[in-house]
Amino acid sequence: MDRVTFRKDDVFSVVGTGVIGMLFIQLIKLSDGRVVAIELDNDRLSMARFLGADYTINPSNQNVAQEIKDITDIGVDIAILTVTNKYTLGEALNYLRDGGTINIFGVSGKESKIKVDFEKVYKRELAIKSSYSATPETLKRAYDIISSKKINLSPLISEVMPLSDFKKGLDLMLQRKIYKAVFKL
């Protein structure tokens, strides 16, 4: 969140509602922002709404740009991409308001080279930023937020398993059947 400048009541889209997306949703709500969660999985959209998303959109059966226009009239102020590929970046450029910001927080190794319509970026004065690593100060703030229980991590820990079940837990996460597993020694 440090890489983007925002105001109270800004509208954010969070693309991808895995653990990182769910954490972003909760952080945005702590800052009095409004959140549109965008995800292909309806169960994850339900969890996003439970954790604070004001609106949810499933691109497999909804027109993302039109839905956002219906919600905001002008587009979102900030698009956070926890999943970045040619589709999610291209769509974000379409539903971002003029002068808005895209924050690339996750990138697919398979699709790390993406064509961007820079004429659209230029004429609409859009900003594209990325977030890769946290500073010690950011980690301290994250620790403080988590330890003060300002965000709810419980629904994101789907399984508590013995360490001997590590492969099983990893497979469940890779198959998107659970969010995260905690392994006991």
Protein backbone atom coordinates (compact mmCIF):
# COMPACT_ATOMS: atom_id res chain seq x y z
CA MET A 1 0.00 0.00 0.00
CA ASP A 2 2.98 2.32 0.44
CA ARG A 3 3.55 2.50 -3.31
CA VAL A 4 0.22 4.19 -4.06
CA THR A 5 -1.13 7.51 -2.86
CA PHE A 6 -4.78 7.41 -1.98
CA ARG A 7 -7.48 9.39 -0.23
CA LYS A 8 -10.29 8.37 2.08
CA ASP A 9 -13.23 7.07 0.03
CA ASP A 10 -11.09 6.12 -2.99
CA VAL A 11 -12.40 3.10 -4.87
CA PHE A 12 -9.98 0.21 -5.32
CA SER A 13 -10.21 -2.91 -7.40
CA VAL A 14 -8.39 -5.95 -6.05
CA VAL A 15 -7.80 -8.48 -8.81
CA GLY A 16 -7.26 -11.95 -7.39
CA THR A 17 -8.62 -12.97 -4.00
CA GLY A 18 -6.02 -15.38 -2.77
CA VAL A 19 -4.41 -14.62 0.58
CA ILE A 20 -2.63 -11.48 -0.65
CA GLY A 21 -5.81 -10.14 -2.24
CA MET A 22 -7.78 -10.83 0.94
CA LEU A 23 -5.16 -8.99 3.00
CA PHE A 24 -5.34 -6.01 0.62
CA ILE A 25 -9.14 -5.93 0.96
CA GLN A 26 -8.87 -5.70 4.73
CA LEU A 27 -6.09 -3.08 4.64
CA ILE A 28 -8.10 -0.92 2.25
CA LYS A 29 -11.14 -1.12 4.52
CA LEU A 30 -8.95 -0.01 7.46
CA SER A 31 -8.14 3.09 5.39
CA ASP A 32 -11.84 3.81 4.63
CA GLY A 33 -11.56 2.87 0.96
CA ARG A 34 -14.21 1.07 -1.05
CA VAL A 35 -13.28 -2.28 -2.61
CA VAL A 36 -14.33 -4.06 -5.77
CA ALA A 37 -13.00 -7.65 -5.64
CA ILE A 38 -12.47 -9.30 -9.03
CA GLU A 39 -12.07 -13.07 -9.11
CA LEU A 40 -13.06 -16.09 -11.23
CA ASP A 41 -13.94 -18.28 -8.22
CA ASN A 42 -17.35 -17.59 -6.63
CA ASP A 43 -16.35 -19.15 -3.29
CA ARG A 44 -13.43 -16.75 -3.07
CA LEU A 45 -15.73 -13.85 -3.96
CA SER A 46 -17.99 -14.86 -1.04
CA MET A 47 -14.98 -14.83 1.27
CA ALA A 48 -13.93 -11.43 -0.14
CA ARG A 49 -17.35 -10.01 0.70
CA PHE A 50 -17.15 -11.56 4.19
CA LEU A 51 -13.77 -9.87 4.72
CA GLY A 52 -15.02 -6.46 3.61
CA ALA A 53 -15.29 -6.16 -0.18
CA ASP A 54 -18.11 -3.76 -1.03
CA TYR A 55 -18.66 -5.25 -4.49
CA THR A 56 -17.63 -8.47 -6.22
CA ILE A 57 -17.26 -9.21 -9.91
CA ASN A 58 -16.70 -12.55 -11.61
CA PRO A 59 -15.19 -11.87 -15.07
CA SER A 60 -16.30 -15.28 -16.34
CA ASN A 61 -19.92 -14.13 -16.38
CA GLN A 62 -19.81 -10.34 -15.88
CA ASN A 63 -18.38 -7.49 -17.96
CA VAL A 64 -15.80 -6.04 -15.56
CA ALA A 65 -15.52 -2.59 -17.16
CA GLN A 66 -19.31 -2.17 -17.36
CA GLU A 67 -19.87 -3.36 -13.78
CA ILE A 68 -17.25 -0.92 -12.50
CA LYS A 69 -18.76 1.90 -14.54
CA ASP A 70 -22.16 1.08 -13.00
CA ILE A 71 -20.62 1.18 -9.51
CA THR A 72 -18.40 4.26 -9.86
CA ASP A 73 -19.49 6.21 -12.97
CA ILE A 74 -15.83 7.10 -13.72
CA GLY A 75 -13.78 4.00 -12.87
CA VAL A 76 -11.68 2.92 -9.92
CA ASP A 77 -9.01 5.17 -8.47
CA ILE A 78 -6.53 2.37 -7.85
CA ALA A 79 -6.32 -1.14 -9.32
CA ILE A 80 -4.27 -3.63 -7.32
CA LEU A 81 -3.29 -6.64 -9.41
CA THR A 82 -2.31 -9.63 -7.29
CA VAL A 83 -2.63 -11.58 -10.54
CA THR A 84 -1.02 -9.90 -13.52
CA ASN A 85 -1.36 -11.17 -17.05
CA LYS A 86 -2.38 -9.68 -20.38
CA TYR A 87 -6.06 -9.97 -19.49
CA THR A 88 -5.96 -8.45 -15.98
CA LEU A 89 -3.64 -5.60 -16.98
CA GLY A 90 -5.60 -4.88 -20.16
CA GLU A 91 -8.90 -4.85 -18.28
CA ALA A 92 -7.48 -2.59 -15.55
CA LEU A 93 -6.46 -0.06 -18.19
CA ASN A 94 -10.10 -0.06 -19.36
CA TYR A 95 -11.81 0.40 -16.00
CA LEU A 96 -9.33 2.72 -14.27
CA ARG A 97 -10.43 6.35 -14.04
CA ASP A 98 -8.38 9.00 -15.84
CA GLY A 99 -5.39 9.80 -13.62
CA GLY A 100 -5.73 6.49 -11.77
CA THR A 101 -3.00 4.10 -10.65
CA ILE A 102 -2.32 0.43 -11.25
CA ASN A 103 -0.24 -1.35 -8.61
CA ILE A 104 1.27 -4.60 -9.89
CA PHE A 105 1.72 -6.77 -6.82
CA GLY A 106 1.92 -10.19 -8.43
CA VAL A 107 3.21 -11.27 -11.81
CA SER A 108 2.89 -14.54 -13.65
CA GLY A 109 6.31 -15.86 -14.64
CA LYS A 110 4.76 -17.36 -17.77
CA GLU A 111 3.38 -14.02 -18.89
CA SER A 112 5.94 -11.57 -17.56
CA LYS A 113 6.18 -9.90 -20.98
CA ILE A 114 2.91 -8.11 -21.67
CA LYS A 115 2.09 -5.60 -24.38
CA VAL A 116 0.75 -2.32 -22.99
CA ASP A 117 -1.11 0.38 -24.90
CA PHE A 118 1.09 3.27 -23.78
CA GLU A 119 -0.88 5.74 -25.86
CA LYS A 120 -3.85 4.98 -23.56
CA VAL A 121 -1.60 5.28 -20.49
CA TYR A 122 -0.22 8.60 -21.75
CA LYS A 123 -3.48 10.24 -22.88
CA ARG A 124 -5.37 9.21 -19.75
CA GLU A 125 -2.44 10.10 -17.43
CA LEU A 126 -2.41 6.66 -15.82
CA ALA A 127 0.34 5.52 -13.46
CA ILE A 128 1.67 1.97 -13.34
CA LYS A 129 3.65 1.04 -10.24
CA SER A 130 4.94 -2.22 -8.87
CA SER A 131 5.52 -3.60 -5.39
CA TYR A 132 8.11 -6.26 -4.85
CA SER A 133 9.61 -6.20 -1.40
CA ALA A 134 8.87 -4.71 1.98
CA THR A 135 11.11 -2.40 3.98
CA PRO A 136 11.81 -3.10 7.67
CA GLU A 137 9.40 -0.27 8.53
CA THR A 138 6.66 -1.83 6.40
CA LEU A 139 7.21 -5.21 8.03
CA LYS A 140 6.96 -3.60 11.48
CA ARG A 141 3.64 -1.94 10.54
CA ALA A 142 2.35 -5.25 9.15
CA TYR A 143 3.33 -6.99 12.38
CA ASP A 144 1.57 -4.30 14.43
CA ILE A 145 -1.62 -4.59 12.36
CA ILE A 146 -1.65 -8.38 12.63
CA SER A 147 -0.84 -8.49 16.35
CA SER A 148 -3.52 -5.87 17.12
CA LYS A 149 -6.03 -8.11 15.27
CA LYS A 150 -7.17 -5.26 13.02
CA ILE A 151 -7.34 -7.75 10.18
CA ASN A 152 -8.87 -11.21 10.33
CA LEU A 153 -6.43 -13.97 9.37
CA SER A 154 -8.49 -16.89 10.70
CA PRO A 155 -10.56 -17.52 7.54
CA LEU A 156 -7.38 -17.56 5.47
CA ILE A 157 -5.86 -20.45 7.44
CA SER A 158 -7.83 -23.34 6.00
CA GLU A 159 -5.95 -26.25 7.54
CA VAL A 160 -3.68 -26.98 10.50
CA MET A 161 -1.68 -30.09 9.66
CA PRO A 162 1.27 -32.03 11.00
CA LEU A 163 4.52 -31.27 9.21
CA SER A 164 4.48 -34.83 7.89
CA ASP A 165 1.48 -33.78 5.71
CA PHE A 166 3.42 -30.93 4.09
CA LYS A 167 3.12 -32.36 0.56
CA LYS A 168 -0.62 -32.90 0.99
CA GLY A 169 -1.08 -29.33 2.24
CA LEU A 170 1.01 -27.92 -0.58
CA ASP A 171 -0.99 -29.89 -3.14
CA LEU A 172 -4.27 -28.57 -1.68
CA MET A 173 -2.97 -24.99 -1.91
CA LEU A 174 -1.72 -25.46 -5.48
CA GLN A 175 -5.11 -26.91 -6.46
CA ARG A 176 -6.76 -23.83 -4.88
CA LYS A 177 -8.80 -26.05 -2.56
CA ILE A 178 -7.56 -24.15 0.49
CA TYR A 179 -6.04 -20.72 1.14
CA LYS A 180 -3.15 -21.56 3.43
CA ALA A 181 -2.13 -24.42 5.68
CA VAL A 182 -0.25 -24.08 8.94
CA PHE A 183 2.07 -26.96 9.73
CA LYS A 184 2.77 -28.11 13.30
CA LEU A 185 6.10 -29.53 14.37
